[in-house]
Amino acid sequence: MLELDGSYGEGGGQILRNAVALSAYLKKPVKIINIRANRPNPGIKAQHYVAIKCIQEICDAEVEGLEIGSSSLTFQPGNVKGGRYKFDIGTAGSITLVYQACILASLNTKEPITISLTGGTDVKWSPSWDYFQYVFLPLIKKMGVTVFPNLIIRGYYPKGGGEAVLTINPTNELKPLKTCDDQDFEQVMGRINISNLPGHITNRIKHTAIKAFLKNDMMTSIDVETSTSLSPGVGITLWSQTNNALIGAGVLGDKSVPSEEVGMNAANNLLKEIQSYSTVDVFAFDQILPYMVISKKYGTSNCMVRELSNHASTNMWLLKKFFDVDFEAAQNYDNIKITIK
């Protein structure tokens, strides 16, 4: 059984989620200790619990230590099986983080898997629903993973209550990701989501973001989705793509932050990626690393990233525990070329 220190590096829920997901994919038992040990509220939280519980059911795993607050977990997977599953995180915990773990765990499925979740769709420290749908899922689709997302209702902090359904189709083989050519990003797409708040907020966010891209001679198309949810909320997600690359950025609104600042921060975050000539943004790179490693048996993956985040470095450490793999990082003028070896 592989034993992992959950406090290593970034030391957050990522180690726990990815370790359990990779355990299910490889059918390799794993024990994680010191789970989130360096965090203010250490141990397993609600969204981690749901992610593990879902993966447990998907692969008929034997699990010890699965409870809120637990600092250690033992996971012994069985065979991944298709079917329909439904879970309620019970808080505004991130639906997208749970889905990311479930997709990775389900790569060996022979039948479709449909997972319904209730929780937070657009919350702090996690990909927004739109980033998940328009950046993460298209990136792994390039690698051969077909997933069908369906957002039913948004969920914001603190009440959550968002709902979504995801269907994961069987994957025949993972294709390597090769995106190291220079890119020319010419157009930005985007979506602002707002619930239970005045419409002038989205206008101010949108106009500020568009002005920022106009100054850089970039065409911009941003739509607005208005809905009703249990808690008020607003956020903006932006993305840009070429035939060979896809990058994104997003910012959640906050009552202490002016709307113009929200729009400007989102635009600046994406412009940083564009101006560094990256082919995958900093956050997406961390999220697709496992797929790049798994596809290694079919060829070499590579990409250009603006910088290596702590999350990415921790993920590299974790992946080396499961696979015979190495990562070559070559510094260019404005970015880093990453090659999976």
Protein backbone atom coordinates (compact mmCIF):
# COMPACT_ATOMS: atom_id res chain seq x y z
CA MET A 1 0.00 0.00 0.00
CA LEU A 2 1.30 3.42 -0.99
CA GLU A 3 1.52 5.83 1.98
CA LEU A 4 1.42 9.58 1.32
CA ASP A 5 1.99 12.62 3.54
CA GLY A 6 -1.02 14.89 3.02
CA SER A 7 0.84 17.88 4.47
CA TYR A 8 3.53 17.87 1.76
CA GLY A 9 4.06 21.03 -0.30
CA GLU A 10 0.84 22.94 -0.87
CA GLY A 11 -0.71 20.46 1.54
CA GLY A 12 -4.37 21.07 0.70
CA GLY A 13 -7.28 18.95 -0.43
CA GLN A 14 -5.67 18.44 -3.83
CA ILE A 15 -3.35 15.71 -2.49
CA LEU A 16 -6.29 13.87 -0.96
CA ARG A 17 -8.59 14.14 -4.00
CA ASN A 18 -5.97 13.26 -6.59
CA ALA A 19 -4.45 10.45 -4.52
CA VAL A 20 -7.84 8.75 -4.14
CA ALA A 21 -8.71 9.36 -7.82
CA LEU A 22 -5.40 7.88 -9.01
CA SER A 23 -5.83 4.98 -6.60
CA ALA A 24 -9.17 4.16 -8.23
CA TYR A 25 -7.77 4.58 -11.76
CA LEU A 26 -4.72 2.37 -11.13
CA LYS A 27 -6.44 0.00 -8.66
CA LYS A 28 -3.60 0.75 -6.24
CA PRO A 29 -4.39 0.92 -2.48
CA VAL A 30 -3.31 4.12 -0.80
CA LYS A 31 -3.10 5.60 2.69
CA ILE A 32 -2.98 9.36 3.22
CA ILE A 33 -1.84 10.73 6.59
CA ASN A 34 -1.60 14.30 7.94
CA ILE A 35 -4.52 15.36 5.72
CA ARG A 36 -4.50 19.17 5.38
CA ALA A 37 -2.43 19.26 8.57
CA ASN A 38 -1.16 22.81 8.08
CA ARG A 39 -4.54 24.37 7.35
CA PRO A 40 -6.54 26.41 9.93
CA ASN A 41 -9.23 23.67 9.90
CA PRO A 42 -7.25 20.50 9.19
CA GLY A 43 -8.61 17.14 8.12
CA ILE A 44 -11.34 16.11 5.70
CA LYS A 45 -13.99 18.73 4.91
CA ALA A 46 -17.44 18.27 3.36
CA GLN A 47 -16.39 18.58 -0.30
CA HIS A 48 -13.49 16.14 0.24
CA TYR A 49 -15.86 13.72 1.95
CA VAL A 50 -18.29 13.81 -0.99
CA ALA A 51 -15.51 13.40 -3.57
CA ILE A 52 -14.14 10.33 -1.80
CA LYS A 53 -17.61 8.93 -1.12
CA CYS A 54 -18.50 9.23 -4.80
CA ILE A 55 -15.27 7.58 -5.95
CA GLN A 56 -15.79 4.87 -3.32
CA GLU A 57 -19.17 4.00 -4.80
CA ILE A 58 -17.91 4.21 -8.39
CA CYS A 59 -15.24 1.57 -7.73
CA ASP A 60 -16.65 -0.40 -4.75
CA ALA A 61 -13.71 0.61 -2.56
CA GLU A 62 -13.05 -0.35 1.04
CA VAL A 63 -12.38 2.83 3.00
CA GLU A 64 -11.25 3.57 6.53
CA GLY A 65 -11.17 7.01 8.12
CA LEU A 66 -13.75 8.65 5.88
CA GLU A 67 -15.37 11.19 8.18
CA ILE A 68 -15.38 14.96 8.54
CA GLY A 69 -12.25 16.10 10.38
CA SER A 70 -10.34 12.85 9.89
CA SER A 71 -6.57 13.32 9.46
CA SER A 72 -5.89 9.94 7.81
CA LEU A 73 -7.61 7.79 5.21
CA THR A 74 -7.09 4.30 3.79
CA PHE A 75 -8.54 3.60 0.34
CA GLN A 76 -8.57 0.14 -1.28
CA PRO A 77 -10.28 0.34 -4.69
CA GLY A 78 -12.23 -2.29 -6.60
CA ASN A 79 -13.39 -2.17 -10.21
CA VAL A 80 -14.81 1.04 -11.68
CA LYS A 81 -18.40 0.58 -12.79
CA GLY A 82 -20.90 2.66 -14.71
CA GLY A 83 -24.23 3.91 -13.44
CA ARG A 84 -25.95 6.92 -11.91
CA TYR A 85 -24.88 8.55 -8.66
CA LYS A 86 -26.26 11.45 -6.64
CA PHE A 87 -24.64 13.37 -3.76
CA ASP A 88 -25.26 16.54 -1.75
CA ILE A 89 -22.16 18.28 -0.44
CA GLY A 90 -24.42 19.90 2.17
CA THR A 91 -22.54 23.22 2.07
CA ALA A 92 -21.24 25.62 -0.58
CA GLY A 93 -18.33 23.23 -1.11
CA SER A 94 -17.05 23.15 -4.67
CA ILE A 95 -18.94 20.98 -7.14
CA THR A 96 -16.21 21.45 -9.76
CA LEU A 97 -13.44 20.09 -7.52
CA VAL A 98 -15.54 17.00 -6.75
CA TYR A 99 -16.20 16.49 -10.46
CA GLN A 100 -12.53 16.82 -11.35
CA ALA A 101 -11.66 14.03 -8.91
CA CYS A 102 -14.47 11.82 -10.21
CA ILE A 103 -13.49 12.27 -13.88
CA LEU A 104 -9.89 11.28 -13.14
CA ALA A 105 -11.02 8.25 -11.14
CA SER A 106 -13.35 7.14 -13.94
CA LEU A 107 -10.92 7.01 -16.86
CA ASN A 108 -11.11 3.20 -16.92
CA THR A 109 -14.90 3.04 -17.00
CA LYS A 110 -16.41 0.72 -19.61
CA GLU A 111 -19.87 2.25 -19.28
CA PRO A 112 -21.08 5.87 -18.91
CA ILE A 113 -21.13 7.31 -15.40
CA THR A 114 -23.62 10.05 -14.52
CA ILE A 115 -23.09 12.05 -11.32
CA SER A 116 -25.57 14.57 -9.89
CA LEU A 117 -24.18 16.99 -7.30
CA THR A 118 -25.58 19.71 -5.06
CA GLY A 119 -23.27 22.35 -3.57
CA GLY A 120 -21.34 25.41 -4.71
CA THR A 121 -20.80 26.04 -8.41
CA ASP A 122 -18.94 29.36 -8.10
CA VAL A 123 -16.98 29.60 -4.86
CA LYS A 124 -13.53 30.67 -3.68
CA TRP A 125 -10.41 28.55 -4.13
CA SER A 126 -11.88 26.43 -6.90
CA PRO A 127 -12.62 26.63 -10.63
CA SER A 128 -15.82 28.47 -11.46
CA TRP A 129 -18.45 26.45 -13.29
CA ASP A 130 -17.73 28.38 -16.51
CA TYR A 131 -13.97 27.80 -16.22
CA PHE A 132 -14.69 24.11 -15.66
CA GLN A 133 -17.02 23.97 -18.70
CA TYR A 134 -15.16 26.21 -21.15
CA VAL A 135 -11.51 25.67 -20.23
CA PHE A 136 -10.88 22.46 -18.25
CA LEU A 137 -13.31 20.14 -20.07
CA PRO A 138 -12.26 21.24 -23.60
CA LEU A 139 -8.60 20.71 -22.65
CA ILE A 140 -9.13 17.13 -21.52
CA LYS A 141 -11.40 16.57 -24.54
CA LYS A 142 -8.36 17.36 -26.72
CA MET A 143 -6.74 14.42 -24.93
CA GLY A 144 -9.62 12.04 -25.55
CA VAL A 145 -11.83 12.44 -22.46
CA THR A 146 -15.47 13.08 -23.34
CA VAL A 147 -17.65 14.59 -20.62
CA PHE A 148 -21.12 16.15 -20.89
CA PRO A 149 -21.85 18.86 -18.28
CA ASN A 150 -25.31 20.19 -17.43
CA LEU A 151 -25.67 23.13 -15.04
CA ILE A 152 -29.12 23.26 -13.45
CA ILE A 153 -28.74 26.12 -10.94
CA ARG A 154 -25.85 28.20 -9.61
CA GLY A 155 -24.76 27.93 -5.99
CA TYR A 156 -22.78 30.59 -4.11
CA TYR A 157 -21.37 30.97 -0.62
CA PRO A 158 -22.67 30.60 2.06
CA LYS A 159 -25.82 28.57 1.31
CA GLY A 160 -24.70 26.70 -1.81
CA GLY A 161 -27.68 24.87 -3.25
CA GLY A 162 -26.24 24.75 -6.76
CA GLU A 163 -27.03 21.71 -8.88
CA ALA A 164 -25.29 20.09 -11.82
CA VAL A 165 -25.23 16.78 -13.65
CA LEU A 166 -22.17 15.32 -15.35
CA THR A 167 -21.91 12.29 -17.63
CA ILE A 168 -18.49 10.70 -18.15
CA ASN A 169 -18.12 8.55 -21.24
CA PRO A 170 -15.60 5.69 -21.56
CA THR A 171 -12.13 6.75 -22.72
CA ASN A 172 -10.34 4.51 -25.21
CA GLU A 173 -6.92 6.07 -24.84
CA LEU A 174 -5.48 9.40 -23.73
CA LYS A 175 -3.81 11.46 -26.42
CA PRO A 176 -0.68 13.45 -25.53
CA LEU A 177 -1.10 17.22 -25.36
CA LYS A 178 1.38 19.04 -27.58
CA THR A 179 0.99 22.83 -27.46
CA CYS A 180 4.45 24.39 -27.60
CA ASP A 181 4.13 26.43 -30.78
CA ASP A 182 3.86 30.22 -30.56
CA GLN A 183 0.23 31.28 -30.28
CA ASP A 184 -1.63 34.33 -31.55
CA PHE A 185 -4.65 34.94 -29.35
CA GLU A 186 -6.95 37.38 -31.16
CA GLN A 187 -10.34 37.06 -29.48
CA VAL A 188 -11.56 36.74 -25.89
CA MET A 189 -14.78 35.00 -24.91
CA GLY A 190 -16.41 35.36 -21.54
CA ARG A 191 -19.39 34.93 -19.28
CA ILE A 192 -20.59 36.90 -16.28
CA ASN A 193 -22.94 35.06 -13.94
CA ILE A 194 -25.07 37.00 -11.46
CA SER A 195 -27.79 36.05 -9.00
CA ASN A 196 -29.99 38.13 -6.69
CA LEU A 197 -28.02 41.33 -7.39
CA PRO A 198 -28.68 44.55 -9.38
CA GLY A 199 -27.99 44.46 -13.12
CA HIS A 200 -25.71 47.52 -13.10
CA ILE A 201 -23.04 45.32 -11.47
CA THR A 202 -22.65 43.16 -14.56
CA ASN A 203 -22.62 46.21 -16.83
CA ARG A 204 -19.72 47.72 -14.89
CA ILE A 205 -17.78 44.45 -14.80
CA LYS A 206 -18.33 43.83 -18.51
CA HIS A 207 -17.45 47.32 -19.76
CA THR A 208 -14.25 47.45 -17.70
CA ALA A 209 -13.07 44.07 -19.00
CA ILE A 210 -13.87 44.95 -22.63
CA LYS A 211 -11.98 48.27 -22.37
CA ALA A 212 -8.90 46.43 -21.07
CA PHE A 213 -8.85 44.13 -24.10
CA LEU A 214 -9.58 46.93 -26.57
CA LYS A 215 -6.40 48.63 -25.37
CA ASN A 216 -4.59 45.47 -26.46
CA ASP A 217 -6.38 45.33 -29.84
CA MET A 218 -8.33 42.21 -28.94
CA MET A 219 -11.92 41.49 -29.90
CA THR A 220 -14.11 40.56 -26.94
CA SER A 221 -17.49 38.84 -26.59
CA ILE A 222 -18.87 38.53 -23.05
CA ASP A 223 -22.40 37.34 -22.32
CA VAL A 224 -24.37 37.66 -19.09
CA GLU A 225 -26.30 34.91 -17.32
CA THR A 226 -28.86 36.11 -14.77
CA SER A 227 -30.41 33.61 -12.37
CA THR A 228 -31.94 33.14 -8.93
CA SER A 229 -30.16 31.15 -6.23
CA LEU A 230 -30.12 30.63 -2.46
CA SER A 231 -27.32 33.18 -1.95
CA PRO A 232 -26.44 36.27 -4.00
CA GLY A 233 -23.31 36.08 -6.10
CA VAL A 234 -21.49 37.31 -9.17
CA GLY A 235 -18.43 36.21 -11.10
CA ILE A 236 -16.70 36.56 -14.45
CA THR A 237 -14.81 33.93 -16.44
CA LEU A 238 -12.76 34.77 -19.53
CA TRP A 239 -11.01 32.52 -22.02
CA SER A 240 -9.19 32.66 -25.32
CA GLN A 241 -8.17 29.94 -27.72
CA THR A 242 -6.36 29.14 -30.93
CA ASN A 243 -6.33 25.91 -32.92
CA ASN A 244 -3.67 24.60 -30.57
CA ALA A 245 -4.07 26.35 -27.21
CA LEU A 246 -6.67 27.37 -24.64
CA ILE A 247 -6.22 29.65 -21.63
CA GLY A 248 -8.64 31.09 -19.09
CA ALA A 249 -9.06 33.25 -16.00
CA GLY A 250 -11.84 34.03 -13.59
CA VAL A 251 -12.69 36.28 -10.66
CA LEU A 252 -15.52 36.08 -8.12
CA GLY A 253 -17.23 39.27 -7.07
CA ASP A 254 -17.07 40.42 -3.45
CA LYS A 255 -19.16 43.06 -1.69
CA SER A 256 -15.95 44.78 -0.55
CA VAL A 257 -14.55 45.03 -4.12
CA PRO A 258 -15.88 47.53 -6.71
CA SER A 259 -17.37 45.96 -9.83
CA GLU A 260 -14.85 47.76 -12.04
CA GLU A 261 -12.02 46.17 -10.10
CA VAL A 262 -13.54 42.71 -10.57
CA GLY A 263 -13.65 43.21 -14.35
CA MET A 264 -10.16 44.68 -14.47
CA ASN A 265 -8.65 41.89 -12.34
CA ALA A 266 -10.17 39.21 -14.57
CA ALA A 267 -8.94 40.93 -17.73
CA ASN A 268 -5.45 41.48 -16.33
CA ASN A 269 -5.21 37.86 -15.23
CA LEU A 270 -5.96 36.64 -18.74
CA LEU A 271 -3.71 39.25 -20.34
CA LYS A 272 -0.81 38.00 -18.21
CA GLU A 273 -1.30 34.55 -19.73
CA ILE A 274 -1.61 35.91 -23.27
CA GLN A 275 1.43 38.18 -22.97
CA SER A 276 3.59 35.35 -21.64
CA TYR A 277 2.84 33.32 -24.81
CA SER A 278 1.53 30.47 -22.67
CA THR A 279 -0.43 27.65 -24.27
CA VAL A 280 -2.04 26.51 -20.99
CA ASP A 281 -2.80 28.88 -18.12
CA VAL A 282 -1.29 28.42 -14.66
CA PHE A 283 -4.42 26.93 -13.10
CA ALA A 284 -5.34 24.62 -15.98
CA PHE A 285 -1.82 23.21 -16.07
CA ASP A 286 -2.13 22.00 -12.51
CA GLN A 287 -5.52 20.44 -13.27
CA ILE A 288 -4.53 18.58 -16.46
CA LEU A 289 -1.14 17.32 -15.23
CA PRO A 290 -2.48 13.85 -14.32
CA TYR A 291 -3.90 13.42 -17.83
CA MET A 292 -0.61 14.48 -19.42
CA VAL A 293 1.21 11.89 -17.30
CA ILE A 294 -1.28 9.09 -18.00
CA SER A 295 -1.03 9.79 -21.75
CA LYS A 296 2.76 9.28 -21.59
CA LYS A 297 2.46 5.70 -22.85
CA TYR A 298 0.98 7.08 -26.09
CA GLY A 299 3.56 9.84 -26.58
CA THR A 300 5.19 12.90 -25.01
CA SER A 301 3.07 15.80 -23.78
CA ASN A 302 4.33 19.36 -23.56
CA CYS A 303 3.03 22.87 -23.05
CA MET A 304 4.08 26.41 -22.18
CA VAL A 305 3.09 27.89 -18.80
CA ARG A 306 3.69 31.33 -17.34
CA GLU A 307 4.93 29.93 -14.03
CA LEU A 308 4.81 26.82 -11.85
CA SER A 309 2.34 27.20 -9.00
CA ASN A 310 2.71 25.51 -5.61
CA HIS A 311 -0.28 23.36 -6.59
CA ALA A 312 1.50 22.20 -9.73
CA SER A 313 4.74 21.40 -7.90
CA THR A 314 2.82 19.41 -5.30
CA ASN A 315 0.93 17.58 -8.03
CA MET A 316 4.22 16.66 -9.72
CA TRP A 317 5.46 15.20 -6.43
CA LEU A 318 2.26 13.19 -6.07
CA LEU A 319 2.32 11.88 -9.65
CA LYS A 320 5.87 10.64 -9.20
CA LYS A 321 4.60 8.47 -6.35
CA PHE A 322 2.16 6.71 -8.68
CA PHE A 323 4.03 6.72 -12.01
CA ASP A 324 7.52 6.33 -13.42
CA VAL A 325 7.63 9.88 -14.73
CA ASP A 326 9.77 12.99 -14.72
CA PHE A 327 9.14 16.61 -15.63
CA GLU A 328 11.51 18.78 -17.62
CA ALA A 329 11.06 22.52 -17.06
CA ALA A 330 12.96 24.81 -19.44
CA GLN A 331 12.77 28.54 -18.80
CA ASN A 332 12.05 30.72 -21.84
CA TYR A 333 11.88 34.51 -21.90
CA ASP A 334 8.30 34.80 -20.67
CA ASN A 335 7.24 31.27 -19.82
CA ILE A 336 8.34 27.75 -18.95
CA LYS A 337 8.26 24.85 -21.39
CA ILE A 338 7.11 21.71 -19.57
CA THR A 339 7.79 18.29 -21.06
CA ILE A 340 6.53 15.04 -19.56
CA LYS A 341 9.31 12.42 -19.69
